[in-house]
C-alpha atoms as a PDB file:
ATOM      1  CA  MET A   1     -25.596 -79.202 -54.469  1.00  0.00           C
ATOM      2  CA  LEU A   2     -26.544 -79.845 -57.508  1.00  0.00           C
ATOM      3  CA  ALA A   3     -30.311 -81.300 -58.642  1.00  0.00           C
ATOM      4  CA  PRO A   4     -32.671 -81.219 -61.538  1.00  0.00           C
ATOM      5  CA  GLY A   5     -34.078 -78.091 -61.798  1.00  0.00           C
ATOM      6  CA  CYS A   6     -33.048 -77.276 -58.280  1.00  0.00           C
ATOM      7  CA  LEU A   7     -29.416 -74.935 -57.161  1.00  0.00           C
ATOM      8  CA  VAL A   8     -28.728 -74.691 -53.301  1.00  0.00           C
ATOM      9  CA  MET A   9     -26.900 -71.045 -53.115  1.00  0.00           C
ATOM     10  CA  ASP A  10     -25.313 -71.222 -49.740  1.00  0.00           C
ATOM     11  CA  THR A  11     -22.911 -74.366 -51.122  1.00  0.00           C
ATOM     12  CA  THR A  12     -19.368 -73.247 -50.689  1.00  0.00           C
ATOM     13  CA  TYR A  13     -16.290 -74.294 -52.619  1.00  0.00           C
ATOM     14  CA  THR A  14     -12.968 -73.915 -52.110  1.00  0.00           C
ATOM     15  CA  GLY A  15     -12.604 -72.546 -55.410  1.00  0.00           C
ATOM     16  CA  MET A  16     -14.555 -72.804 -58.677  1.00  0.00           C
ATOM     17  CA  PRO A  17     -18.235 -73.897 -58.995  1.00  0.00           C
ATOM     18  CA  PRO A  18     -18.687 -77.556 -60.184  1.00  0.00           C
ATOM     19  CA  GLY A  19     -19.991 -78.446 -63.683  1.00  0.00           C
ATOM     20  CA  THR A  20     -19.016 -77.843 -67.290  1.00  0.00           C
ATOM     21  CA  TRP A  21     -17.609 -74.254 -68.300  1.00  0.00           C
ATOM     22  CA  ARG A  22     -17.053 -73.136 -71.481  1.00  0.00           C
ATOM     23  CA  GLY A  23     -13.739 -70.513 -72.138  1.00  0.00           C
ATOM     24  CA  VAL A  24     -13.264 -68.209 -74.991  1.00  0.00           C
ATOM     25  CA  LEU A  25      -9.642 -66.613 -76.211  1.00  0.00           C
ATOM     26  CA  GLN A  26      -9.846 -63.989 -77.749  1.00  0.00           C
ATOM     27  CA  ILE A  27      -7.637 -64.642 -80.018  1.00  0.00           C
ATOM     28  CA  GLU A  28      -8.385 -62.047 -82.627  1.00  0.00           C
ATOM     29  CA  PRO A  29      -7.541 -58.614 -81.569  1.00  0.00           C
ATOM     30  CA  VAL A  30      -9.675 -56.174 -81.585  1.00  0.00           C
ATOM     31  CA  PHE A  31      -8.221 -53.164 -83.190  1.00  0.00           C
ATOM     32  CA  VAL A  32      -8.255 -53.516 -87.411  1.00  0.00           C
ATOM     33  CA  SER A  33      -5.147 -54.918 -88.945  1.00  0.00           C
ATOM     34  CA  PRO A  34      -2.740 -52.279 -90.225  1.00  0.00           C
ATOM     35  CA  ASN A  35      -2.372 -52.759 -94.626  1.00  0.00           C
ATOM     36  CA  PRO A  36      -0.091 -50.591 -95.617  1.00  0.00           C
ATOM     37  CA  LYS A  37       1.360 -52.467 -98.511  1.00  0.00           C
ATOM     38  CA  GLY A  38      -2.778 -53.393 -99.778  1.00  0.00           C
ATOM     39  CA  LYS A  39      -1.766 -57.125 -99.132  1.00  0.00           C
ATOM     40  CA  PRO A  40      -5.651 -59.212 -99.287  1.00  0.00           C
ATOM     41  CA  LEU A  41      -5.530 -59.880 -95.609  1.00  0.00           C
ATOM     42  CA  PRO A  42      -8.558 -61.817 -94.376  1.00  0.00           C
ATOM     43  CA  GLU A  43     -10.716 -58.981 -93.060  1.00  0.00           C
ATOM     44  CA  LYS A  44     -10.767 -57.209 -96.570  1.00  0.00           C
ATOM     45  CA  LEU A  45     -11.984 -60.042 -98.415  1.00  0.00           C
ATOM     46  CA  GLY A  46     -15.282 -60.105 -97.014  1.00  0.00           C
ATOM     47  CA  MET A  47     -14.812 -62.931 -94.934  1.00  0.00           C
ATOM     48  CA  GLU A  48     -17.693 -62.902 -92.248  1.00  0.00           C
ATOM     49  CA  TYR A  49     -18.707 -66.116 -90.174  1.00  0.00           C
ATOM     50  CA  ASP A  50     -22.373 -64.331 -88.671  1.00  0.00           C
ATOM     51  CA  ASP A  51     -22.896 -67.510 -86.889  1.00  0.00           C
ATOM     52  CA  VAL A  52     -20.394 -67.405 -84.500  1.00  0.00           C
ATOM     53  CA  SER A  53     -18.087 -64.411 -82.802  1.00  0.00           C
ATOM     54  CA  GLN A  54     -15.099 -63.962 -85.265  1.00  0.00           C
ATOM     55  CA  GLY A  55     -12.076 -64.564 -84.255  1.00  0.00           C
ATOM     56  CA  GLU A  56     -12.890 -66.274 -80.492  1.00  0.00           C
ATOM     57  CA  LEU A  57     -11.848 -69.323 -79.753  1.00  0.00           C
ATOM     58  CA  PRO A  58     -14.355 -71.101 -77.668  1.00  0.00           C
ATOM     59  CA  PHE A  59     -13.191 -74.658 -75.833  1.00  0.00           C
ATOM     60  CA  LEU A  60     -15.064 -76.835 -72.716  1.00  0.00           C
ATOM     61  CA  PHE A  61     -13.748 -77.960 -69.501  1.00  0.00           C
ATOM     62  CA  SER A  62     -15.040 -79.515 -65.992  1.00  0.00           C
ATOM     63  CA  VAL A  63     -14.626 -78.503 -62.819  1.00  0.00           C
ATOM     64  CA  THR A  64     -14.617 -81.168 -60.168  1.00  0.00           C
ATOM     65  CA  TYR A  65     -14.422 -81.956 -56.642  1.00  0.00           C
ATOM     66  CA  PRO A  66     -13.814 -85.283 -55.084  1.00  0.00           C
ATOM     67  CA  HIS A  67     -13.051 -84.084 -52.086  1.00  0.00           C
ATOM     68  CA  PRO A  68     -14.995 -80.918 -50.400  1.00  0.00           C
ATOM     69  CA  ASP A  69     -11.720 -79.277 -49.820  1.00  0.00           C
ATOM     70  CA  SER A  70     -10.226 -79.767 -53.003  1.00  0.00           C
ATOM     71  CA  PHE A  71     -11.558 -80.001 -56.545  1.00  0.00           C
ATOM     72  CA  TYR A  72      -9.255 -80.700 -60.120  1.00  0.00           C
ATOM     73  CA  ILE A  73     -10.163 -79.191 -63.873  1.00  0.00           C
ATOM     74  CA  ALA A  74     -10.313 -81.581 -67.413  1.00  0.00           C
ATOM     75  CA  LEU A  75      -9.852 -79.556 -70.495  1.00  0.00           C
ATOM     76  CA  SER A  76     -11.792 -81.024 -73.115  1.00  0.00           C
ATOM     77  CA  LEU A  77      -9.430 -82.800 -75.725  1.00  0.00           C
ATOM     78  CA  GLY A  78     -12.218 -84.021 -78.302  1.00  0.00           C
ATOM     79  CA  ALA A  79     -13.050 -87.850 -76.737  1.00  0.00           C
ATOM     80  CA  SER A  80     -10.153 -87.396 -74.335  1.00  0.00           C
ATOM     81  CA  SER A  81      -9.334 -85.106 -71.659  1.00  0.00           C
ATOM     82  CA  LEU A  82      -6.181 -83.216 -69.841  1.00  0.00           C
ATOM     83  CA  VAL A  83      -6.581 -83.501 -66.104  1.00  0.00           C
ATOM     84  CA  LEU A  84      -5.183 -79.833 -64.483  1.00  0.00           C
ATOM     85  CA  SER A  85      -4.419 -80.242 -60.731  1.00  0.00           C
ATOM     86  CA  ASP A  86      -1.404 -77.970 -60.448  1.00  0.00           C
ATOM     87  CA  TYR A  87      -3.298 -74.861 -59.122  1.00  0.00           C
ATOM     88  CA  THR A  88      -3.173 -71.920 -56.430  1.00  0.00           C
ATOM     89  CA  VAL A  89      -6.266 -70.014 -55.257  1.00  0.00           C
ATOM     90  CA  GLY A  90      -5.796 -66.361 -53.625  1.00  0.00           C
ATOM     91  CA  ARG A  91      -7.728 -63.679 -52.945  1.00  0.00           C
ATOM     92  CA  ASP A  92      -7.592 -60.173 -54.866  1.00  0.00           C
ATOM     93  CA  TYR A  93      -7.936 -57.861 -52.316  1.00  0.00           C
ATOM     94  CA  ALA A  94      -8.150 -54.721 -53.897  1.00  0.00           C
ATOM     95  CA  THR A  95     -11.527 -56.306 -55.936  1.00  0.00           C
ATOM     96  CA  ALA A  96     -12.456 -58.526 -53.361  1.00  0.00           C
ATOM     97  CA  LYS A  97     -12.674 -61.217 -55.629  1.00  0.00           C
ATOM     98  CA  ASP A  98     -10.886 -64.661 -55.297  1.00  0.00           C
ATOM     99  CA  THR A  99      -8.093 -65.863 -58.120  1.00  0.00           C
ATOM    100  CA  LEU A 100      -6.969 -68.687 -59.524  1.00  0.00           C
ATOM    101  CA  THR A 101      -3.481 -69.388 -61.366  1.00  0.00           C
ATOM    102  CA  ILE A 102      -3.460 -73.294 -63.429  1.00  0.00           C
ATOM    103  CA  ARG A 103      -0.485 -74.209 -64.567  1.00  0.00           C
ATOM    104  CA  LEU A 104      -0.273 -76.178 -67.965  1.00  0.00           C
ATOM    105  CA  PRO A 105       1.875 -79.573 -67.843  1.00  0.00           C
ATOM    106  CA  GLY A 106       5.078 -80.104 -69.546  1.00  0.00           C
ATOM    107  CA  THR A 107       5.299 -76.403 -70.634  1.00  0.00           C
ATOM    108  CA  ALA A 108       5.482 -72.871 -69.007  1.00  0.00           C
ATOM    109  CA  ASN A 109       2.094 -71.580 -69.955  1.00  0.00           C
ATOM    110  CA  TYR A 110      -0.580 -70.796 -67.405  1.00  0.00           C
ATOM    111  CA  LEU A 111      -4.334 -69.839 -66.988  1.00  0.00           C
ATOM    112  CA  ARG A 112      -4.324 -66.877 -64.347  1.00  0.00           C
ATOM    113  CA  GLY A 113      -7.735 -65.461 -63.491  1.00  0.00           C
ATOM    114  CA  VAL A 114     -10.361 -63.985 -61.069  1.00  0.00           C
ATOM    115  CA  PHE A 115     -13.741 -65.479 -60.645  1.00  0.00           C
ATOM    116  CA  GLU A 116     -17.166 -64.520 -58.953  1.00  0.00           C
ATOM    117  CA  GLU A 117     -19.630 -66.956 -59.031  1.00  0.00           C
ATOM    118  CA  LYS A 118     -19.953 -68.399 -62.581  1.00  0.00           C
ATOM    119  CA  ILE A 119     -17.706 -66.106 -63.970  1.00  0.00           C
ATOM    120  CA  LEU A 120     -13.743 -66.373 -64.751  1.00  0.00           C
ATOM    121  CA  GLU A 121     -12.166 -63.577 -66.614  1.00  0.00           C
ATOM    122  CA  GLY A 122      -8.258 -63.559 -66.665  1.00  0.00           C
ATOM    123  CA  HIS A 123      -5.756 -64.563 -69.975  1.00  0.00           C
ATOM    124  CA  TRP A 124      -3.613 -67.192 -70.903  1.00  0.00           C
ATOM    125  CA  PHE A 125      -0.230 -66.983 -70.536  1.00  0.00           C
ATOM    126  CA  TYR A 126       1.947 -68.674 -73.288  1.00  0.00           C
ATOM    127  CA  GLN A 127       6.048 -68.762 -74.541  1.00  0.00           C
ATOM    128  CA  ASP A 128       6.179 -67.735 -78.273  1.00  0.00           C
ATOM    129  CA  THR A 129       9.050 -69.462 -80.530  1.00  0.00           C
ATOM    130  CA  GLN A 130      11.171 -66.733 -79.611  1.00  0.00           C
ATOM    131  CA  GLY A 131      10.630 -67.771 -75.777  1.00  0.00           C
ATOM    132  CA  GLN A 132       8.934 -64.725 -75.100  1.00  0.00           C
ATOM    133  CA  MET A 133       5.979 -64.601 -72.719  1.00  0.00           C
ATOM    134  CA  GLN A 134       2.684 -63.600 -74.505  1.00  0.00           C
ATOM    135  CA  SER A 135      -0.808 -63.575 -73.388  1.00  0.00           C
ATOM    136  CA  ILE A 136      -4.515 -63.815 -74.548  1.00  0.00           C
ATOM    137  CA  PRO A 137      -7.469 -62.666 -72.549  1.00  0.00           C
ATOM    138  CA  LEU A 138      -9.762 -64.975 -71.589  1.00  0.00           C
ATOM    139  CA  ILE A 139     -13.238 -65.548 -70.249  1.00  0.00           C
ATOM    140  CA  ALA A 140     -15.109 -68.685 -68.670  1.00  0.00           C
ATOM    141  CA  ARG A 141     -19.059 -69.445 -67.959  1.00  0.00           C
ATOM    142  CA  GLN A 142     -20.292 -72.172 -66.071  1.00  0.00           C
ATOM    143  CA  GLY A 143     -22.646 -73.730 -67.336  1.00  0.00           C
ATOM    144  CA  GLN A 144     -22.381 -73.771 -71.505  1.00  0.00           C
ATOM    145  CA  ASP A 145     -21.398 -77.507 -72.879  1.00  0.00           C
ATOM    146  CA  TYR A 146     -21.750 -76.064 -76.428  1.00  0.00           C
ATOM    147  CA  LEU A 147     -18.322 -74.826 -78.402  1.00  0.00           C
ATOM    148  CA  PHE A 148     -19.113 -72.638 -81.844  1.00  0.00           C
ATOM    149  CA  THR A 149     -23.020 -72.207 -81.466  1.00  0.00           C
ATOM    150  CA  THR A 150     -26.093 -73.988 -80.785  1.00  0.00           C
ATOM    151  CA  LEU A 151     -26.860 -73.454 -84.085  1.00  0.00           C
ATOM    152  CA  LYS A 152     -27.811 -76.359 -86.224  1.00  0.00           C
ATOM    153  CA  LYS A 153     -27.887 -75.650 -90.097  1.00  0.00           C
ATOM    154  CA  ALA A 154     -27.781 -78.588 -92.367  1.00  0.00           C
ATOM    155  CA  PRO A 155     -24.585 -78.961 -94.180  1.00  0.00           C
ATOM    156  CA  ALA A 156     -24.266 -78.428 -97.631  1.00  0.00           C
ATOM    157  CA  ALA A 157     -21.777 -81.227 -97.323  1.00  0.00           C
ATOM    158  CA  ASN A 158     -19.819 -84.279 -96.009  1.00  0.00           C
ATOM    159  CA  LEU A 159     -16.245 -83.151 -95.243  1.00  0.00           C
ATOM    160  CA  SER A 160     -14.881 -86.256 -94.127  1.00  0.00           C
ATOM    161  CA  GLY A 161     -11.629 -87.040 -95.671  1.00  0.00           C
ATOM    162  CA  THR A 162      -7.947 -85.483 -96.348  1.00  0.00           C
ATOM    163  CA  TRP A 163      -8.182 -82.437 -97.498  1.00  0.00           C
ATOM    164  CA  HIS A 164      -4.512 -80.613 -98.643  1.00  0.00           C
ATOM    165  CA  LEU A 165      -4.182 -77.325 -98.161  1.00  0.00           C
ATOM    166  CA  LYS A 166      -2.179 -74.201 -99.554  1.00  0.00           C
ATOM    167  CA  VAL A 167      -1.507 -71.941 -96.299  1.00  0.00           C
ATOM    168  CA  GLY A 168      -0.573 -68.169 -96.725  1.00  0.00           C
ATOM    169  CA  MET A 169      -2.435 -67.302 -99.894  1.00  0.00           C
ATOM    170  CA  GLU A 170      -2.132 -63.830 -99.055  1.00  0.00           C
ATOM    171  CA  LEU A 171       1.756 -63.810 -99.275  1.00  0.00           C
ATOM    172  CA  SER A 172       1.965 -62.262-102.843  1.00  0.00           C
ATOM    173  CA  GLU A 173       6.039 -62.628-102.235  1.00  0.00           C
ATOM    174  CA  GLU A 174       6.247 -65.646-101.385  1.00  0.00           C
ATOM    175  CA  ALA A 175       5.037 -68.869-102.613  1.00  0.00           C
ATOM    176  CA  PRO A 176       2.305 -70.992 -99.929  1.00  0.00           C
ATOM    177  CA  SER A 177       3.694 -73.415 -97.830  1.00  0.00           C
ATOM    178  CA  HIS A 178       1.016 -76.838 -97.770  1.00  0.00           C
ATOM    179  CA  ALA A 179      -0.223 -78.861 -95.130  1.00  0.00           C
ATOM    180  CA  ILE A 180      -3.034 -81.740 -94.431  1.00  0.00           C
ATOM    181  CA  LEU A 181      -5.916 -81.337 -92.630  1.00  0.00           C
ATOM    182  CA  ARG A 182      -8.090 -84.668 -91.650  1.00  0.00           C
ATOM    183  CA  LEU A 183     -11.408 -84.296 -91.287  1.00  0.00           C
ATOM    184  CA  ALA A 184     -14.139 -86.423 -89.948  1.00  0.00           C
ATOM    185  CA  GLN A 185     -17.714 -85.107 -89.291  1.00  0.00           C
ATOM    186  CA  ARG A 186     -20.868 -86.682 -88.412  1.00  0.00           C
ATOM    187  CA  GLU A 187     -23.692 -83.993 -88.785  1.00  0.00           C
ATOM    188  CA  ASN A 188     -22.913 -81.061 -87.811  1.00  0.00           C
ATOM    189  CA  TYR A 189     -20.215 -82.176 -85.458  1.00  0.00           C
ATOM    190  CA  LEU A 190     -16.565 -82.080 -87.193  1.00  0.00           C
ATOM    191  CA  SER A 191     -13.247 -82.738 -85.764  1.00  0.00           C
ATOM    192  CA  GLY A 192      -9.628 -83.004 -87.808  1.00  0.00           C
ATOM    193  CA  ILE A 193      -6.012 -82.970 -86.947  1.00  0.00           C
ATOM    194  CA  LEU A 194      -4.094 -80.144 -88.777  1.00  0.00           C
ATOM    195  CA  GLU A 195      -0.585 -80.697 -89.845  1.00  0.00           C
ATOM    196  CA  TRP A 196       1.351 -78.006 -91.000  1.00  0.00           C
ATOM    197  CA  GLN A 197       5.070 -76.653 -91.057  1.00  0.00           C
ATOM    198  CA  GLY A 198       6.362 -79.977 -89.172  1.00  0.00           C
ATOM    199  CA  LYS A 199       3.741 -80.118 -86.385  1.00  0.00           C
ATOM    200  CA  ARG A 200       0.531 -81.851 -85.936  1.00  0.00           C
ATOM    201  CA  TYR A 201      -2.695 -80.032 -84.215  1.00  0.00           C
ATOM    202  CA  GLU A 202      -4.405 -82.533 -82.785  1.00  0.00           C
ATOM    203  CA  TYR A 203      -7.813 -82.342 -80.841  1.00  0.00           C
ATOM    204  CA  LEU A 204      -9.846 -79.440 -83.533  1.00  0.00           C
ATOM    205  CA  GLN A 205     -12.956 -79.752 -83.127  1.00  0.00           C
ATOM    206  CA  GLY A 206     -16.123 -77.862 -84.130  1.00  0.00           C
ATOM    207  CA  THR A 207     -19.500 -77.526 -86.765  1.00  0.00           C
ATOM    208  CA  VAL A 208     -20.462 -77.471 -89.992  1.00  0.00           C
ATOM    209  CA  GLN A 209     -22.884 -74.817 -90.612  1.00  0.00           C
ATOM    210  CA  ALA A 210     -24.523 -75.187 -94.377  1.00  0.00           C
ATOM    211  CA  LYS A 211     -21.335 -74.197 -95.921  1.00  0.00           C
ATOM    212  CA  LYS A 212     -19.308 -72.416 -93.022  1.00  0.00           C
ATOM    213  CA  LEU A 213     -16.912 -75.295 -90.457  1.00  0.00           C
ATOM    214  CA  TYR A 214     -15.528 -73.706 -87.640  1.00  0.00           C
ATOM    215  CA  LEU A 215     -12.545 -76.126 -86.043  1.00  0.00           C
ATOM    216  CA  ALA A 216     -11.090 -74.886 -82.689  1.00  0.00           C
ATOM    217  CA  SER A 217      -7.818 -76.907 -80.715  1.00  0.00           C
ATOM    218  CA  PHE A 218      -6.647 -75.974 -77.273  1.00  0.00           C
ATOM    219  CA  ASP A 219      -4.352 -77.960 -75.043  1.00  0.00           C
ATOM    220  CA  GLY A 220      -2.496 -75.311 -72.981  1.00  0.00           C
ATOM    221  CA  LYS A 221       0.862 -75.249 -75.560  1.00  0.00           C
ATOM    222  CA  ASP A 222      -1.527 -73.760 -78.757  1.00  0.00           C
ATOM    223  CA  ALA A 223      -4.692 -71.800 -79.341  1.00  0.00           C
ATOM    224  CA  VAL A 224      -5.661 -72.800 -83.007  1.00  0.00           C
ATOM    225  CA  LEU A 225      -8.839 -71.665 -84.659  1.00  0.00           C
ATOM    226  CA  MET A 226      -9.820 -72.804 -88.402  1.00  0.00           C
ATOM    227  CA  GLU A 227     -12.682 -70.932 -90.294  1.00  0.00           C
ATOM    228  CA  GLY A 228     -13.763 -71.675 -93.348  1.00  0.00           C
ATOM    229  CA  LYS A 229     -16.703 -71.743 -96.190  1.00  0.00           C
ATOM    230  CA  MET A 230     -17.462 -74.058 -99.210  1.00  0.00           C
ATOM    231  CA  GLY A 231     -17.010 -72.865-102.416  1.00  0.00           C
ATOM    232  CA  ASP A 232     -18.985 -73.321-105.794  1.00  0.00           C
ATOM    233  CA  ASN A 233     -15.844 -75.238-106.516  1.00  0.00           C
ATOM    234  CA  GLY A 234     -15.554 -78.307-104.229  1.00  0.00           C
ATOM    235  CA  GLN A 235     -12.642 -76.184-102.403  1.00  0.00           C
ATOM    236  CA  ILE A 236     -12.627 -74.229 -99.530  1.00  0.00           C
ATOM    237  CA  ALA A 237     -10.972 -71.402 -97.742  1.00  0.00           C
ATOM    238  CA  GLY A 238     -10.880 -69.868 -94.707  1.00  0.00           C
ATOM    239  CA  ILE A 239      -8.476 -68.060 -91.549  1.00  0.00           C
ATOM    240  CA  LEU A 240      -6.247 -70.017 -89.956  1.00  0.00           C
ATOM    241  CA  ARG A 241      -5.056 -68.408 -86.563  1.00  0.00           C
ATOM    242  CA  ILE A 242      -2.560 -69.185 -84.084  1.00  0.00           C
ATOM    243  CA  ASN A 243      -1.978 -68.466 -80.746  1.00  0.00           C
ATOM    244  CA  HIS A 244      -1.035 -64.327 -81.424  1.00  0.00           C
ATOM    245  CA  THR A 245       1.692 -65.434 -84.015  1.00  0.00           C
ATOM    246  CA  VAL A 246      -0.360 -66.816 -86.983  1.00  0.00           C
ATOM    247  CA  LYS A 247      -3.674 -65.110 -88.756  1.00  0.00           C
ATOM    248  CA  THR A 248      -3.155 -66.405 -92.651  1.00  0.00           C
ATOM    249  CA  LEU A 249      -5.330 -67.245 -95.182  1.00  0.00           C
ATOM    250  CA  TRP A 250      -5.839 -71.054 -96.935  1.00  0.00           C
ATOM    251  CA  GLN A 251      -7.251 -72.646 -99.351  1.00  0.00           C
ATOM    252  CA  ALA A 252      -7.819 -77.111 -99.468  1.00  0.00           C
ATOM    253  CA  GLY A 253      -8.938 -79.330-102.223  1.00  0.00           C
ATOM    254  CA  LYS A 254     -10.024 -82.381-101.225  1.00  0.00           C
ATOM    255  CA  ASN A 255      -8.140 -85.382-102.812  1.00  0.00           C
ATOM    256  CA  GLN A 256     -10.323 -88.826-103.927  1.00  0.00           C
ATOM    257  CA  GLN A 257     -10.350 -90.891-100.760  1.00  0.00           C
ATOM    258  CA  ASN A 258     -12.832 -90.559 -98.030  1.00  0.00           C
ATOM    259  CA  ASN A 259     -12.509 -90.979 -94.727  1.00  0.00           C
ATOM    260  CA  GLN A 260     -16.418 -91.721 -93.663  1.00  0.00           C
END
């Protein structure tokens, strides 16, 4: 049972404890990227983001028990949510920990991990463009309800509106591709939609901290992470990561029409 300021510890559940959870996908590998051709990779350009842990993609979900012996998970997608009820709870007898496999609707993707009390550790398994299964490490903690940071630094500007992106700025042999980023900002809160290479990545959520912006989207199909900095010329430059497939530099300019 949960009550303000009181947690009864002898309550048992058939799965994960109820409440709000914050998950983090370690989308950025911990090793240093090789750079044999001397290209201007993101980590070589001084694009550090000290407000958050770089390369970590956060998302929120909740665990609800409509009945004592069954629960469902609701993955937060901005103002809406995706209910995940296709799961299997098991037991890892080698570690004496409970296991959880969550199948993501409309895909071959799934989440799998072990959980103990308020922590879930595992991986997100996804099918890449070649049809091969890949994985990204995952850790989730109960009781955290923020995405990137709890900081509230005054934004240097309002980023609401349509931005035109050049993606792939580090590729010297090829012309960068073009993308559209539609942003809506309310104080520190930032949301957006990215349209790139024929795909529409919705549910981007994040924050603006002074001159920096952070956006993330995880819908079970794709994991998208955008980090950027405002320049003195009214443009934004940053890093785009999608799954383990894409890590590239982008630069954006705003048109004259604002969506306030």
